[in-house]
């Protein structure tokens, strides 16, 4: 089954020039990475074919950039080459030997070790603020309906520091409303404005309480900036309570034309929970009076300076 078929390989090679213009740049780059990894491992194509249980002709097409292999075939090839699938696809962490060596140091580490590594890298490259400067800003994170705006404004008043609604800062930087940003400019533009608004907020307010958008954790660079320059609190609530609060505020968009809104919200919360969990503190607001939550939030804020 896996015996070398010279006529098949020759046929593929003889049509390479003809098919040159048909080759997709991504497939060409993919083929080059497969060929490079095979060379690094010192494997002949036939040996890779046997190890991966993929025909030699299929591998030849793949390396030439004319084989649109399925994800299952790529997984077999990656396993045979002893590498991650991301290495075939061109993940940034596979781009250079240094990236690969760093990735290997981090492989199979626990969350605590990874957090220490992230903080050490942030300090090494000057991405982290001095401890006192970071503690002077309190940033509230969490989904819409968590109470970030209401509790943030009241906490800022109690601490006698400015309150910053980052959504309003995004609109100021963009010169238009959030709806216009999303509908006309798209998510990539929104993320750029969000990052710029956070950078300007950090520069302008050495002391502040900041209410952040729920999706700020979606962009690693922006979330890293927030964690490095602010003391963060995750205002946590159940999906049901998030939905009830948003509707109580008069915003019916979560339910508009979407019978599966609650399932969507649960998936969003589940997908972001691990990132929200990187905050310095977590405060559960579910089923609790606002004044009681505010008292607990103020207590947490006071404890951060001890």
Protein backbone atom coordinates (compact mmCIF):
# COMPACT_ATOMS: atom_id res chain seq x y z
CA UNK A 1 0.00 0.00 0.00
CA UNK A 2 2.81 2.34 0.93
CA UNK A 3 5.27 1.28 -1.80
CA UNK A 4 6.78 4.15 -3.76
CA UNK A 5 5.00 4.77 -7.06
CA UNK A 6 7.60 6.52 -9.24
CA UNK A 7 5.19 7.23 -12.09
CA UNK A 8 2.78 8.97 -9.76
CA UNK A 9 5.52 11.12 -8.19
CA UNK A 10 6.95 11.97 -11.62
CA UNK A 11 3.51 12.95 -12.88
CA UNK A 12 3.07 15.32 -9.98
CA UNK A 13 6.50 16.85 -10.46
CA UNK A 14 6.06 17.25 -14.22
CA UNK A 15 2.90 19.28 -13.77
CA UNK A 16 4.38 21.54 -11.09
CA UNK A 17 5.21 24.35 -13.51
CA UNK A 18 1.79 24.21 -15.10
CA UNK A 19 0.03 24.38 -11.75
CA UNK A 20 2.32 27.06 -10.35
CA UNK A 21 -0.19 29.83 -11.00
CA UNK A 22 -3.01 27.78 -9.44
CA UNK A 23 -1.30 27.29 -6.12
CA UNK A 24 -2.76 29.02 -3.12
CA UNK A 25 -0.10 30.93 -1.10
CA UNK A 26 -1.31 29.35 2.14
CA UNK A 27 -1.00 25.83 0.70
CA UNK A 28 2.44 26.66 -0.69
CA UNK A 29 3.59 27.86 2.74
CA UNK A 30 2.03 24.79 4.36
CA UNK A 31 3.93 22.54 1.97
CA UNK A 32 7.18 24.31 2.69
CA UNK A 33 6.68 23.86 6.43
CA UNK A 34 5.99 20.15 5.99
CA UNK A 35 9.10 19.78 3.82
CA UNK A 36 11.18 21.77 6.31
CA UNK A 37 9.97 19.75 9.30
CA UNK A 38 10.65 16.53 7.44
CA UNK A 39 14.18 17.74 6.67
CA UNK A 40 14.72 18.73 10.31
CA UNK A 41 13.68 15.22 11.38
CA UNK A 42 15.88 13.66 8.68
CA UNK A 43 12.93 11.72 7.25
CA UNK A 44 12.57 10.69 3.63
CA UNK A 45 9.14 11.25 2.15
CA UNK A 46 8.60 7.51 1.97
CA UNK A 47 9.37 7.15 5.68
CA UNK A 48 6.90 9.91 6.48
CA UNK A 49 4.29 8.22 4.31
CA UNK A 50 4.70 4.99 6.23
CA UNK A 51 4.68 6.68 9.65
CA UNK A 52 1.64 8.82 8.88
CA UNK A 53 -0.28 6.25 6.82
CA UNK A 54 -0.66 8.88 4.10
CA UNK A 55 0.22 7.97 0.53
CA UNK A 56 3.51 9.25 -0.83
CA UNK A 57 1.66 10.85 -3.75
CA UNK A 58 -0.58 12.76 -1.33
CA UNK A 59 2.47 13.95 0.59
CA UNK A 60 4.16 15.04 -2.63
CA UNK A 61 1.13 17.13 -3.56
CA UNK A 62 1.02 18.55 -0.06
CA UNK A 63 4.68 19.60 -0.17
CA UNK A 64 4.25 21.14 -3.61
CA UNK A 65 1.36 23.25 -2.41
CA UNK A 66 -1.21 21.60 -4.67
CA UNK A 67 -2.66 19.21 -2.12
CA UNK A 68 -5.61 20.59 -0.12
CA UNK A 69 -5.32 18.03 2.66
CA UNK A 70 -8.06 17.45 5.20
CA UNK A 71 -7.48 18.34 8.83
CA UNK A 72 -7.34 14.63 9.70
CA UNK A 73 -4.55 14.04 7.19
CA UNK A 74 -2.62 17.02 8.57
CA UNK A 75 -3.04 15.63 12.07
CA UNK A 76 -1.61 12.30 10.95
CA UNK A 77 1.35 14.06 9.33
CA UNK A 78 1.95 16.17 12.46
CA UNK A 79 1.90 13.09 14.67
CA UNK A 80 4.35 11.31 12.39
CA UNK A 81 6.67 14.32 12.47
CA UNK A 82 6.35 14.58 16.26
CA UNK A 83 5.13 18.16 16.22
CA UNK A 84 2.01 20.12 17.06
CA UNK A 85 -0.59 20.65 14.34
CA UNK A 86 -0.06 24.40 14.83
CA UNK A 87 3.51 23.98 13.62
CA UNK A 88 2.26 22.81 10.24
CA UNK A 89 -0.30 25.59 10.01
CA UNK A 90 2.22 28.30 10.83
CA UNK A 91 1.39 29.37 14.38
CA UNK A 92 3.57 32.27 15.51
CA UNK A 93 5.07 30.16 18.30
CA UNK A 94 6.64 27.92 15.66
CA UNK A 95 8.16 30.71 13.58
CA UNK A 96 11.72 30.60 14.94
CA UNK A 97 13.93 28.29 17.05
CA UNK A 98 13.66 30.70 20.00
CA UNK A 99 9.86 30.55 19.88
CA UNK A 100 10.00 26.76 19.83
CA UNK A 101 12.43 26.62 22.75
CA UNK A 102 10.30 29.02 24.80
CA UNK A 103 7.17 27.06 23.97
CA UNK A 104 8.85 23.86 25.11
CA UNK A 105 9.76 25.47 28.45
CA UNK A 106 6.10 26.38 28.98
CA UNK A 107 4.65 23.08 27.81
CA UNK A 108 2.72 21.09 30.43
CA UNK A 109 3.10 23.82 33.06
CA UNK A 110 0.29 24.48 35.49
CA UNK A 111 -1.68 27.73 35.61
CA UNK A 112 0.36 29.08 38.54
CA UNK A 113 3.65 28.48 36.71
CA UNK A 114 2.30 30.07 33.54
CA UNK A 115 1.10 33.10 35.46
CA UNK A 116 4.52 33.56 37.06
CA UNK A 117 6.10 33.25 33.63
CA UNK A 118 3.76 35.84 32.15
CA UNK A 119 4.43 38.29 34.96
CA UNK A 120 8.19 37.74 34.68
CA UNK A 121 8.08 38.41 30.93
CA UNK A 122 5.96 41.52 31.45
CA UNK A 123 8.52 42.84 33.94
CA UNK A 124 11.46 41.87 31.73
CA UNK A 125 10.09 43.75 28.73
CA UNK A 126 8.81 46.73 30.67
CA UNK A 127 5.15 45.93 30.08
CA UNK A 128 4.19 46.02 33.75
CA UNK A 129 3.62 49.10 35.88
CA UNK A 130 5.22 49.66 39.25
CA UNK A 131 3.19 47.86 41.95
CA UNK A 132 1.96 51.09 43.56
CA UNK A 133 0.88 52.51 40.19
CA UNK A 134 -1.03 49.34 39.30
CA UNK A 135 -2.83 49.25 42.65
CA UNK A 136 -3.99 52.84 42.29
CA UNK A 137 -6.40 51.89 39.50
CA UNK A 138 -9.33 49.53 40.12
CA UNK A 139 -10.74 47.94 36.97
CA UNK A 140 -14.02 46.03 37.00
CA UNK A 141 -14.42 43.22 34.48
CA UNK A 142 -17.24 40.84 33.61
CA UNK A 143 -20.19 40.38 31.26
CA UNK A 144 -22.83 43.00 30.54
CA UNK A 145 -25.23 43.22 33.43
CA UNK A 146 -22.57 42.49 36.05
CA UNK A 147 -23.03 45.93 37.61
CA UNK A 148 -19.69 47.39 36.51
CA UNK A 149 -21.08 50.84 35.69
CA UNK A 150 -23.36 51.19 38.70
CA UNK A 151 -20.97 49.74 41.26
CA UNK A 152 -17.96 51.39 39.63
CA UNK A 153 -19.46 54.87 39.87
CA UNK A 154 -20.43 54.35 43.52
CA UNK A 155 -17.03 52.86 44.41
CA UNK A 156 -15.24 55.79 42.75
CA UNK A 157 -17.33 58.20 44.80
CA UNK A 158 -16.51 56.33 47.99
CA UNK A 159 -12.78 56.29 47.16
CA UNK A 160 -12.86 59.92 45.97
CA UNK A 161 -11.24 59.07 42.63
CA UNK A 162 -12.43 59.58 39.02
CA UNK A 163 -14.77 57.04 37.46
CA UNK A 164 -14.04 56.04 33.86
CA UNK A 165 -16.56 54.23 31.67
CA UNK A 166 -14.25 52.74 29.04
CA UNK A 167 -17.09 52.40 26.52
CA UNK A 168 -17.53 56.18 26.58
CA UNK A 169 -13.78 56.62 26.08
CA UNK A 170 -13.91 54.29 23.08
CA UNK A 171 -16.66 56.44 21.56
CA UNK A 172 -14.61 59.57 22.23
CA UNK A 173 -11.52 58.13 20.57
CA UNK A 174 -13.50 56.81 17.59
CA UNK A 175 -15.66 59.91 17.21
CA UNK A 176 -18.83 57.82 16.85
CA UNK A 177 -21.10 55.50 18.84
CA UNK A 178 -20.36 51.88 19.67
CA UNK A 179 -23.13 50.75 17.32
CA UNK A 180 -21.59 52.72 14.48
CA UNK A 181 -18.17 51.26 15.19
CA UNK A 182 -19.51 47.70 15.14
CA UNK A 183 -21.92 48.13 12.21
CA UNK A 184 -19.79 50.31 9.94
CA UNK A 185 -16.18 49.66 10.86
CA UNK A 186 -16.21 46.11 12.22
CA UNK A 187 -14.71 44.24 15.19
CA UNK A 188 -11.06 44.84 14.24
CA UNK A 189 -11.57 48.61 14.33
CA UNK A 190 -13.42 48.33 17.62
CA UNK A 191 -10.49 46.45 19.20
CA UNK A 192 -8.06 49.13 18.01
CA UNK A 193 -10.17 51.89 19.55
CA UNK A 194 -10.58 49.86 22.73
CA UNK A 195 -6.81 49.45 23.08
CA UNK A 196 -6.18 53.15 22.40
CA UNK A 197 -8.88 54.20 24.88
CA UNK A 198 -7.34 52.02 27.58
CA UNK A 199 -3.84 53.36 26.87
CA UNK A 200 -5.08 56.95 27.14
CA UNK A 201 -7.03 56.18 30.32
CA UNK A 202 -3.91 54.74 31.95
CA UNK A 203 -1.91 57.82 30.95
CA UNK A 204 -4.54 60.34 32.08
CA UNK A 205 -5.72 58.75 35.33
CA UNK A 206 -3.10 57.67 37.89
CA UNK A 207 -6.00 56.95 40.27
CA UNK A 208 -9.37 55.75 39.02
CA UNK A 209 -12.12 53.16 38.99
CA UNK A 210 -12.59 51.82 35.47
CA UNK A 211 -15.63 49.94 34.15
CA UNK A 212 -14.46 47.84 31.20
CA UNK A 213 -16.41 46.32 28.27
CA UNK A 214 -17.33 42.68 28.75
CA UNK A 215 -15.28 41.60 25.74
CA UNK A 216 -12.02 43.25 26.78
CA UNK A 217 -10.64 39.79 27.56
CA UNK A 218 -11.06 38.83 23.88
CA UNK A 219 -7.92 40.66 22.83
CA UNK A 220 -4.83 39.29 24.63
CA UNK A 221 -2.75 42.44 24.09
CA UNK A 222 -5.42 44.74 25.55
CA UNK A 223 -6.15 42.38 28.44
CA UNK A 224 -2.44 42.09 29.21
CA UNK A 225 -2.28 45.89 29.32
CA UNK A 226 -5.22 46.01 31.72
CA UNK A 227 -3.75 43.36 34.03
CA UNK A 228 -0.35 45.07 34.02
CA UNK A 229 -1.65 48.55 34.92
CA UNK A 230 -4.80 47.95 36.96
CA UNK A 231 -5.93 45.99 39.99
CA UNK A 232 -8.83 43.98 38.58
CA UNK A 233 -12.05 42.59 40.05
CA UNK A 234 -14.32 40.15 38.26
CA UNK A 235 -17.94 40.97 39.07
CA UNK A 236 -19.41 37.53 38.67
CA UNK A 237 -23.08 36.56 38.27
CA UNK A 238 -25.18 33.74 36.89
CA UNK A 239 -26.20 33.89 33.22
CA UNK A 240 -29.83 34.28 34.28
CA UNK A 241 -29.02 37.29 36.42
CA UNK A 242 -26.92 38.87 33.69
CA UNK A 243 -29.86 38.59 31.32
CA UNK A 244 -32.40 39.89 33.84
CA UNK A 245 -30.30 42.96 34.64
CA UNK A 246 -29.75 43.88 31.00
CA UNK A 247 -33.47 43.59 30.25
CA UNK A 248 -34.32 45.55 33.43
CA UNK A 249 -32.16 48.37 32.08
CA UNK A 250 -34.48 48.52 29.07
CA UNK A 251 -32.14 46.78 26.65
CA UNK A 252 -34.16 44.08 24.88
CA UNK A 253 -31.49 43.31 22.28
CA UNK A 254 -30.38 40.09 23.98
CA UNK A 255 -33.84 38.63 23.36
CA UNK A 256 -34.62 40.29 20.03
CA UNK A 257 -35.21 37.63 17.39
CA UNK A 258 -33.12 35.12 19.28
CA UNK A 259 -34.82 32.29 21.14
CA UNK A 260 -31.45 30.84 22.01
CA UNK A 261 -30.18 34.03 23.66
CA UNK A 262 -29.70 32.36 27.03
CA UNK A 263 -27.72 29.49 25.53
CA UNK A 264 -25.57 32.01 23.66
CA UNK A 265 -24.95 33.98 26.84
CA UNK A 266 -23.97 30.81 28.70
CA UNK A 267 -21.50 29.90 25.98
CA UNK A 268 -19.98 33.38 26.04
CA UNK A 269 -19.62 33.28 29.82
CA UNK A 270 -18.10 29.79 29.70
CA UNK A 271 -15.65 30.89 27.02
CA UNK A 272 -14.54 33.98 28.93
CA UNK A 273 -14.60 32.63 32.48
CA UNK A 274 -10.99 31.42 32.43
CA UNK A 275 -9.86 34.91 31.32
CA UNK A 276 -12.05 36.73 33.84
CA UNK A 277 -10.52 34.42 36.42
CA UNK A 278 -7.11 36.05 35.88
CA UNK A 279 -8.37 39.04 37.86
CA UNK A 280 -6.87 39.92 41.24
CA UNK A 281 -10.19 39.32 43.00
CA UNK A 282 -13.58 37.79 42.27
CA UNK A 283 -16.84 39.10 43.72
CA UNK A 284 -20.07 37.15 43.24
CA UNK A 285 -23.00 39.54 42.89
CA UNK A 286 -25.74 36.98 42.24
CA UNK A 287 -28.92 37.47 44.27
CA UNK A 288 -27.36 40.10 46.52
CA UNK A 289 -28.47 43.68 47.30
CA UNK A 290 -26.45 46.37 45.56
CA UNK A 291 -25.44 48.07 48.82
CA UNK A 292 -24.11 44.81 50.22
CA UNK A 293 -22.07 44.11 47.09
CA UNK A 294 -20.71 47.66 47.17
CA UNK A 295 -19.57 47.22 50.77
CA UNK A 296 -17.76 44.01 49.86
CA UNK A 297 -16.20 45.67 46.81
CA UNK A 298 -15.00 48.59 48.93
CA UNK A 299 -13.51 46.13 51.42
CA UNK A 300 -11.63 44.34 48.63
CA UNK A 301 -10.41 47.68 47.30
CA UNK A 302 -9.11 48.65 50.75
CA UNK A 303 -7.36 45.30 51.20
CA UNK A 304 -5.42 45.70 47.95
CA UNK A 305 -3.33 48.47 49.56
CA UNK A 306 -2.47 46.52 52.72
